[in-house]
C-alpha atoms as a PDB file:
ATOM      1  CA  MET A   1      23.704  13.840   1.497  1.00  0.00           C
ATOM      2  CA  THR A   2      20.536  15.895   1.414  1.00  0.00           C
ATOM      3  CA  GLU A   3      17.625  15.330   3.785  1.00  0.00           C
ATOM      4  CA  ALA A   4      15.667  13.848   0.879  1.00  0.00           C
ATOM      5  CA  ASP A   5      18.445  11.256   0.353  1.00  0.00           C
ATOM      6  CA  TRP A   6      18.403  10.320   4.076  1.00  0.00           C
ATOM      7  CA  SER A   7      14.694   9.991   3.857  1.00  0.00           C
ATOM      8  CA  ALA A   8      15.172   7.553   0.941  1.00  0.00           C
ATOM      9  CA  VAL A   9      17.729   5.615   3.059  1.00  0.00           C
ATOM     10  CA  ARG A  10      15.316   5.347   5.991  1.00  0.00           C
ATOM     11  CA  LEU A  11      12.416   4.390   3.757  1.00  0.00           C
ATOM     12  CA  THR A  12      14.507   1.692   1.985  1.00  0.00           C
ATOM     13  CA  ALA A  13      15.621   0.213   5.322  1.00  0.00           C
ATOM     14  CA  ALA A  14      12.054   0.113   6.604  1.00  0.00           C
ATOM     15  CA  LEU A  15      10.813  -1.469   3.328  1.00  0.00           C
ATOM     16  CA  ALA A  16      13.560  -4.108   3.327  1.00  0.00           C
ATOM     17  CA  ALA A  17      13.073  -4.955   7.010  1.00  0.00           C
ATOM     18  CA  THR A  18       9.245  -5.252   6.750  1.00  0.00           C
ATOM     19  CA  SER A  19       9.478  -7.240   3.590  1.00  0.00           C
ATOM     20  CA  THR A  20      12.074  -9.614   4.965  1.00  0.00           C
ATOM     21  CA  VAL A  21       9.913 -10.419   8.042  1.00  0.00           C
ATOM     22  CA  LEU A  22       6.891 -11.116   5.816  1.00  0.00           C
ATOM     23  CA  LEU A  23       8.995 -13.115   3.302  1.00  0.00           C
ATOM     24  CA  LEU A  24      10.208 -15.386   6.107  1.00  0.00           C
ATOM     25  CA  LEU A  25       6.663 -15.802   7.548  1.00  0.00           C
ATOM     26  CA  VAL A  26       5.264 -16.696   4.143  1.00  0.00           C
ATOM     27  CA  GLY A  27       8.302 -18.282   2.490  1.00  0.00           C
ATOM     28  CA  THR A  28       9.303 -20.687   5.248  1.00  0.00           C
ATOM     29  CA  PRO A  29       6.136 -22.816   5.291  1.00  0.00           C
ATOM     30  CA  LEU A  30       5.992 -22.611   1.452  1.00  0.00           C
ATOM     31  CA  ALA A  31       9.581 -23.866   1.218  1.00  0.00           C
ATOM     32  CA  TRP A  32       8.794 -26.665   3.630  1.00  0.00           C
ATOM     33  CA  ALA A  33       5.778 -27.713   1.588  1.00  0.00           C
ATOM     34  CA  LEU A  34       7.747 -27.669  -1.640  1.00  0.00           C
ATOM     35  CA  ALA A  35      10.567 -29.723  -0.020  1.00  0.00           C
ATOM     36  CA  ARG A  36       8.210 -32.344   1.380  1.00  0.00           C
ATOM     37  CA  THR A  37       5.571 -32.745  -1.258  1.00  0.00           C
ATOM     38  CA  ARG A  38       5.597 -35.512  -3.827  1.00  0.00           C
ATOM     39  CA  SER A  39       2.720 -34.083  -5.888  1.00  0.00           C
ATOM     40  CA  ARG A  40       3.007 -33.999  -9.616  1.00  0.00           C
ATOM     41  CA  LEU A  41       2.086 -30.341  -9.387  1.00  0.00           C
ATOM     42  CA  LYS A  42       5.322 -29.547  -7.529  1.00  0.00           C
ATOM     43  CA  PRO A  43       7.160 -28.331 -10.708  1.00  0.00           C
ATOM     44  CA  VAL A  44       4.309 -25.966 -11.437  1.00  0.00           C
ATOM     45  CA  ALA A  45       4.247 -24.542  -7.906  1.00  0.00           C
ATOM     46  CA  ALA A  46       8.047 -24.185  -7.905  1.00  0.00           C
ATOM     47  CA  ALA A  47       7.923 -22.457 -11.285  1.00  0.00           C
ATOM     48  CA  LEU A  48       5.346 -19.966 -10.079  1.00  0.00           C
ATOM     49  CA  VAL A  49       7.493 -19.089  -7.018  1.00  0.00           C
ATOM     50  CA  ALA A  50      10.549 -18.675  -9.271  1.00  0.00           C
ATOM     51  CA  MET A  51       8.873 -16.568 -11.990  1.00  0.00           C
ATOM     52  CA  PRO A  52      10.117 -13.201 -10.550  1.00  0.00           C
ATOM     53  CA  LEU A  53      13.646 -14.469 -11.410  1.00  0.00           C
ATOM     54  CA  VAL A  54      12.912 -14.415 -15.135  1.00  0.00           C
ATOM     55  CA  LEU A  55      10.137 -11.892 -15.552  1.00  0.00           C
ATOM     56  CA  PRO A  56      11.088  -8.317 -16.297  1.00  0.00           C
ATOM     57  CA  PRO A  57      10.328  -6.327 -13.098  1.00  0.00           C
ATOM     58  CA  THR A  58       8.178  -3.868 -15.096  1.00  0.00           C
ATOM     59  CA  VAL A  59       5.980  -6.737 -16.320  1.00  0.00           C
ATOM     60  CA  LEU A  60       5.533  -8.061 -12.823  1.00  0.00           C
ATOM     61  CA  GLY A  61       4.905  -4.499 -11.632  1.00  0.00           C
ATOM     62  CA  PHE A  62       2.351  -3.892 -14.377  1.00  0.00           C
ATOM     63  CA  TYR A  63       0.268  -6.895 -13.516  1.00  0.00           C
ATOM     64  CA  LEU A  64       0.469  -6.154  -9.780  1.00  0.00           C
ATOM     65  CA  LEU A  65      -0.684  -2.602 -10.594  1.00  0.00           C
ATOM     66  CA  ILE A  66      -3.673  -4.008 -12.506  1.00  0.00           C
ATOM     67  CA  PHE A  67      -4.435  -6.463  -9.631  1.00  0.00           C
ATOM     68  CA  MET A  68      -4.250  -3.822  -6.972  1.00  0.00           C
ATOM     69  CA  GLY A  69      -5.772  -0.953  -8.988  1.00  0.00           C
ATOM     70  CA  PRO A  70      -9.338   0.348  -8.671  1.00  0.00           C
ATOM     71  CA  ASN A  71     -10.634  -2.174 -11.248  1.00  0.00           C
ATOM     72  CA  GLY A  72      -8.650  -5.122  -9.943  1.00  0.00           C
ATOM     73  CA  PRO A  73      -9.953  -7.656  -7.518  1.00  0.00           C
ATOM     74  CA  LEU A  74      -7.716  -6.542  -4.628  1.00  0.00           C
ATOM     75  CA  GLY A  75      -8.406  -2.895  -5.345  1.00  0.00           C
ATOM     76  CA  GLN A  76     -12.170  -3.481  -5.284  1.00  0.00           C
ATOM     77  CA  LEU A  77     -11.864  -5.363  -2.045  1.00  0.00           C
ATOM     78  CA  MET A  78      -9.920  -2.502  -0.487  1.00  0.00           C
ATOM     79  CA  ASP A  79     -12.570  -0.030  -1.635  1.00  0.00           C
ATOM     80  CA  ALA A  80     -15.366  -2.218  -0.182  1.00  0.00           C
ATOM     81  CA  LEU A  81     -13.575  -2.348   3.161  1.00  0.00           C
ATOM     82  CA  GLY A  82     -12.966   1.414   3.051  1.00  0.00           C
ATOM     83  CA  TRP A  83      -9.183   0.975   3.107  1.00  0.00           C
ATOM     84  CA  GLN A  84      -6.591   2.935   1.246  1.00  0.00           C
ATOM     85  CA  ARG A  85      -5.617   1.501  -2.110  1.00  0.00           C
ATOM     86  CA  LEU A  86      -2.189  -0.065  -2.237  1.00  0.00           C
ATOM     87  CA  PRO A  87      -0.747   1.475  -5.437  1.00  0.00           C
ATOM     88  CA  PHE A  88       1.575   4.463  -4.781  1.00  0.00           C
ATOM     89  CA  SER A  89       1.762   3.747  -1.040  1.00  0.00           C
ATOM     90  CA  PHE A  90       4.279   2.107   1.321  1.00  0.00           C
ATOM     91  CA  GLY A  91       1.886  -0.840   1.731  1.00  0.00           C
ATOM     92  CA  GLY A  92       1.862  -1.393  -2.014  1.00  0.00           C
ATOM     93  CA  LEU A  93       5.714  -1.425  -2.073  1.00  0.00           C
ATOM     94  CA  VAL A  94       5.712  -4.060   0.699  1.00  0.00           C
ATOM     95  CA  VAL A  95       3.283  -6.360  -1.217  1.00  0.00           C
ATOM     96  CA  ALA A  96       5.253  -5.934  -4.481  1.00  0.00           C
ATOM     97  CA  SER A  97       8.625  -6.461  -2.718  1.00  0.00           C
ATOM     98  CA  VAL A  98       7.412  -9.626  -1.026  1.00  0.00           C
ATOM     99  CA  ILE A  99       6.264 -11.114  -4.326  1.00  0.00           C
ATOM    100  CA  TYR A 100       9.300 -10.005  -6.279  1.00  0.00           C
ATOM    101  CA  SER A 101      11.811 -11.299  -3.674  1.00  0.00           C
ATOM    102  CA  MET A 102       9.997 -14.518  -2.860  1.00  0.00           C
ATOM    103  CA  PRO A 103      12.323 -16.864  -4.828  1.00  0.00           C
ATOM    104  CA  PHE A 104      15.355 -15.455  -3.060  1.00  0.00           C
ATOM    105  CA  VAL A 105      13.945 -16.644   0.248  1.00  0.00           C
ATOM    106  CA  VAL A 106      12.105 -19.793  -0.816  1.00  0.00           C
ATOM    107  CA  GLN A 107      14.846 -21.496  -2.815  1.00  0.00           C
ATOM    108  CA  PRO A 108      17.604 -21.375  -0.131  1.00  0.00           C
ATOM    109  CA  LEU A 109      15.139 -22.555   2.464  1.00  0.00           C
ATOM    110  CA  GLN A 110      13.810 -25.344   0.218  1.00  0.00           C
ATOM    111  CA  GLN A 111      17.328 -26.573  -0.443  1.00  0.00           C
ATOM    112  CA  ALA A 112      18.103 -26.520   3.258  1.00  0.00           C
ATOM    113  CA  PHE A 113      14.935 -28.524   4.110  1.00  0.00           C
ATOM    114  CA  GLU A 114      15.644 -31.046   1.311  1.00  0.00           C
ATOM    115  CA  ALA A 115      19.111 -31.583   2.733  1.00  0.00           C
ATOM    116  CA  ILE A 116      17.755 -32.805   6.097  1.00  0.00           C
ATOM    117  CA  PRO A 117      18.109 -36.647   6.234  1.00  0.00           C
ATOM    118  CA  GLU A 118      14.726 -38.373   6.186  1.00  0.00           C
ATOM    119  CA  ARG A 119      15.901 -40.651   8.966  1.00  0.00           C
ATOM    120  CA  THR A 120      16.293 -37.661  11.263  1.00  0.00           C
ATOM    121  CA  LEU A 121      12.647 -36.725  10.877  1.00  0.00           C
ATOM    122  CA  GLU A 122      11.574 -40.433  11.128  1.00  0.00           C
ATOM    123  CA  ALA A 123      13.540 -40.680  14.424  1.00  0.00           C
ATOM    124  CA  ALA A 124      11.668 -37.633  15.780  1.00  0.00           C
ATOM    125  CA  SER A 125       8.391 -39.252  14.678  1.00  0.00           C
ATOM    126  CA  THR A 126       9.145 -42.413  16.572  1.00  0.00           C
ATOM    127  CA  LEU A 127       9.560 -40.270  19.685  1.00  0.00           C
ATOM    128  CA  ARG A 128       5.968 -39.125  19.217  1.00  0.00           C
ATOM    129  CA  ALA A 129       6.866 -35.717  17.830  1.00  0.00           C
ATOM    130  CA  GLY A 130       3.960 -34.386  15.795  1.00  0.00           C
ATOM    131  CA  PRO A 131       4.343 -32.609  12.463  1.00  0.00           C
ATOM    132  CA  LEU A 132       4.557 -29.133  14.007  1.00  0.00           C
ATOM    133  CA  ASP A 133       6.927 -30.345  16.668  1.00  0.00           C
ATOM    134  CA  ARG A 134       9.187 -31.946  14.065  1.00  0.00           C
ATOM    135  CA  PHE A 135       9.124 -28.736  11.999  1.00  0.00           C
ATOM    136  CA  PHE A 136       9.978 -26.335  14.860  1.00  0.00           C
ATOM    137  CA  THR A 137      12.330 -28.459  16.902  1.00  0.00           C
ATOM    138  CA  VAL A 138      14.144 -30.472  14.220  1.00  0.00           C
ATOM    139  CA  ALA A 139      13.701 -29.019  10.765  1.00  0.00           C
ATOM    140  CA  LEU A 140      14.175 -25.316  11.521  1.00  0.00           C
ATOM    141  CA  PRO A 141      17.297 -25.730  13.661  1.00  0.00           C
ATOM    142  CA  LEU A 142      18.919 -27.936  11.042  1.00  0.00           C
ATOM    143  CA  ALA A 143      17.988 -25.467   8.302  1.00  0.00           C
ATOM    144  CA  ARG A 144      19.491 -22.500  10.087  1.00  0.00           C
ATOM    145  CA  PRO A 145      22.215 -21.790   7.456  1.00  0.00           C
ATOM    146  CA  GLY A 146      19.503 -21.691   4.816  1.00  0.00           C
ATOM    147  CA  LEU A 147      17.411 -19.454   6.994  1.00  0.00           C
ATOM    148  CA  LEU A 148      20.307 -17.030   7.414  1.00  0.00           C
ATOM    149  CA  THR A 149      20.952 -17.015   3.662  1.00  0.00           C
ATOM    150  CA  ALA A 150      17.312 -16.497   2.839  1.00  0.00           C
ATOM    151  CA  SER A 151      17.058 -13.564   5.295  1.00  0.00           C
ATOM    152  CA  VAL A 152      20.165 -11.820   3.932  1.00  0.00           C
ATOM    153  CA  LEU A 153      19.161 -12.361   0.277  1.00  0.00           C
ATOM    154  CA  GLY A 154      15.635 -11.234   0.837  1.00  0.00           C
ATOM    155  CA  PHE A 155      16.730  -8.059   2.602  1.00  0.00           C
ATOM    156  CA  ALA A 156      19.442  -7.223   0.054  1.00  0.00           C
ATOM    157  CA  HIS A 157      17.275  -7.901  -2.971  1.00  0.00           C
ATOM    158  CA  THR A 158      14.591  -5.561  -1.639  1.00  0.00           C
ATOM    159  CA  VAL A 159      17.129  -2.804  -1.171  1.00  0.00           C
ATOM    160  CA  GLY A 160      18.110  -2.999  -4.877  1.00  0.00           C
ATOM    161  CA  GLU A 161      14.630  -3.078  -6.417  1.00  0.00           C
ATOM    162  CA  PHE A 162      13.838  -0.477  -9.124  1.00  0.00           C
ATOM    163  CA  GLY A 163      11.372  -1.605 -11.835  1.00  0.00           C
ATOM    164  CA  VAL A 164       8.719  -3.005  -9.507  1.00  0.00           C
ATOM    165  CA  VAL A 165       9.137   0.019  -7.192  1.00  0.00           C
ATOM    166  CA  LEU A 166       8.682   2.394 -10.088  1.00  0.00           C
ATOM    167  CA  MET A 167       5.549   0.698 -11.325  1.00  0.00           C
ATOM    168  CA  ILE A 168       3.815   0.241  -7.970  1.00  0.00           C
ATOM    169  CA  GLY A 169       5.095   3.151  -5.918  1.00  0.00           C
ATOM    170  CA  GLY A 170       6.010   5.814  -8.373  1.00  0.00           C
ATOM    171  CA  ASN A 171       8.444   8.319  -6.951  1.00  0.00           C
ATOM    172  CA  ILE A 172       6.767  10.146  -4.055  1.00  0.00           C
ATOM    173  CA  PRO A 173       9.302  11.788  -1.697  1.00  0.00           C
ATOM    174  CA  GLY A 174       8.991  10.514   1.857  1.00  0.00           C
ATOM    175  CA  GLN A 175       6.473   7.832   0.832  1.00  0.00           C
ATOM    176  CA  THR A 176       7.761   5.672  -2.030  1.00  0.00           C
ATOM    177  CA  ARG A 177      11.033   7.293  -3.079  1.00  0.00           C
ATOM    178  CA  VAL A 178      13.556   4.583  -2.196  1.00  0.00           C
ATOM    179  CA  LEU A 179      17.356   4.563  -2.783  1.00  0.00           C
ATOM    180  CA  SER A 180      17.287   3.160  -6.305  1.00  0.00           C
ATOM    181  CA  MET A 181      14.800   5.928  -7.250  1.00  0.00           C
ATOM    182  CA  ALA A 182      16.995   8.540  -5.624  1.00  0.00           C
ATOM    183  CA  VAL A 183      19.975   7.444  -7.706  1.00  0.00           C
ATOM    184  CA  TYR A 184      17.849   7.698 -10.824  1.00  0.00           C
ATOM    185  CA  ASP A 185      16.611  11.150  -9.882  1.00  0.00           C
ATOM    186  CA  HIS A 186      20.157  12.458  -9.307  1.00  0.00           C
ATOM    187  CA  VAL A 187      21.376  11.056 -12.652  1.00  0.00           C
ATOM    188  CA  GLU A 188      18.404  12.523 -14.446  1.00  0.00           C
ATOM    189  CA  ALA A 189      19.024  15.921 -12.849  1.00  0.00           C
ATOM    190  CA  GLY A 190      22.740  15.800 -13.769  1.00  0.00           C
ATOM    191  CA  GLU A 191      23.750  15.602 -10.107  1.00  0.00           C
ATOM    192  CA  ILE A 192      26.412  13.003 -10.782  1.00  0.00           C
ATOM    193  CA  ALA A 193      28.361  13.495  -7.459  1.00  0.00           C
ATOM    194  CA  ASP A 194      25.202  12.905  -5.480  1.00  0.00           C
ATOM    195  CA  ALA A 195      24.415   9.832  -7.574  1.00  0.00           C
ATOM    196  CA  HIS A 196      27.964   8.569  -7.022  1.00  0.00           C
ATOM    197  CA  ARG A 197      27.631   8.750  -3.262  1.00  0.00           C
ATOM    198  CA  LEU A 198      24.389   6.742  -3.202  1.00  0.00           C
ATOM    199  CA  ALA A 199      25.448   4.299  -5.844  1.00  0.00           C
ATOM    200  CA  ALA A 200      28.812   3.693  -4.124  1.00  0.00           C
ATOM    201  CA  GLY A 201      27.052   2.995  -0.853  1.00  0.00           C
ATOM    202  CA  MET A 202      24.784   0.454  -2.559  1.00  0.00           C
ATOM    203  CA  VAL A 203      27.816  -1.210  -4.219  1.00  0.00           C
ATOM    204  CA  ALA A 204      29.545  -1.435  -0.818  1.00  0.00           C
ATOM    205  CA  PHE A 205      26.429  -2.893   0.704  1.00  0.00           C
ATOM    206  CA  ALA A 206      26.082  -5.491  -2.052  1.00  0.00           C
ATOM    207  CA  LEU A 207      29.770  -6.537  -1.669  1.00  0.00           C
ATOM    208  CA  THR A 208      29.379  -6.860   2.114  1.00  0.00           C
ATOM    209  CA  VAL A 209      26.320  -9.024   1.649  1.00  0.00           C
ATOM    210  CA  LEU A 210      28.054 -11.366  -0.836  1.00  0.00           C
ATOM    211  CA  VAL A 211      31.156 -11.712   1.369  1.00  0.00           C
ATOM    212  CA  ALA A 212      28.929 -12.441   4.411  1.00  0.00           C
ATOM    213  CA  LEU A 213      27.020 -15.093   2.509  1.00  0.00           C
ATOM    214  CA  TYR A 214      30.261 -16.663   1.310  1.00  0.00           C
ATOM    215  CA  LEU A 215      31.569 -16.889   4.842  1.00  0.00           C
ATOM    216  CA  LEU A 216      28.273 -18.174   6.244  1.00  0.00           C
ATOM    217  CA  ASN A 217      28.068 -20.934   3.568  1.00  0.00           C
ATOM    218  CA  ARG A 218      31.736 -21.852   3.924  1.00  0.00           C
ATOM    219  CA  ALA A 219      31.875 -22.175   7.748  1.00  0.00           C
ATOM    220  CA  PRO A 220      29.874 -25.426   8.091  1.00  0.00           C
ATOM    221  CA  ARG A 221      31.905 -27.165   5.341  1.00  0.00           C
ATOM    222  CA  ASP A 222      35.245 -26.161   6.905  1.00  0.00           C
ATOM    223  CA  GLY A 223      34.270 -27.808  10.173  1.00  0.00           C
ATOM    224  CA  GLY A 224      35.857 -25.049  12.191  1.00  0.00           C
ATOM    225  CA  ARG A 225      39.294 -25.434  10.591  1.00  0.00           C
ATOM    226  CA  PRO A 226      41.350 -22.255  10.337  1.00  0.00           C
END
């Protein structure tokens, strides 16, 4: 592979790692809130979180570009603070990736939290465990399989992004040119062998992720049987 391709690999890994950490920090309390709330607005909130699953990535990227652009509210705030605008920067890719991959983290975590027996949390409450104590010492340990699934899915989904990356980051070598864009560039230039190498690596990565998820989800149900 060329140095430009290795740069795309490094940038993709950095983007996926940064986005996954932020997704877990934001998505975990959001999933807990969705799992515990009885509000009539819960379907609306859940639908908003899941919208990236059904929206075309270019549509989501377009509205994010408007929101973060010079005439958008976030863009104007960045200008007022004297900070660099997010479009066509690594920071912009991180923001877009977090929003685009949010349902892949929130939904597994929400299902894991909803599977926790209510009696378990009530028992912790009778032992004078406060809400935060119950969350960190009871809910999170019991939701560990969901947390692992969410982490793997969030990372893998970020690696495979294309449409949102194209709209928000463009294709700037060393700054926003990630693996999916590198494959596109090779195909467009007729460099099929180079495209094959990158694409085959992404296929192998995707297969490894799916097999790992299958094994992680199967192990608790097997009860340790061979």
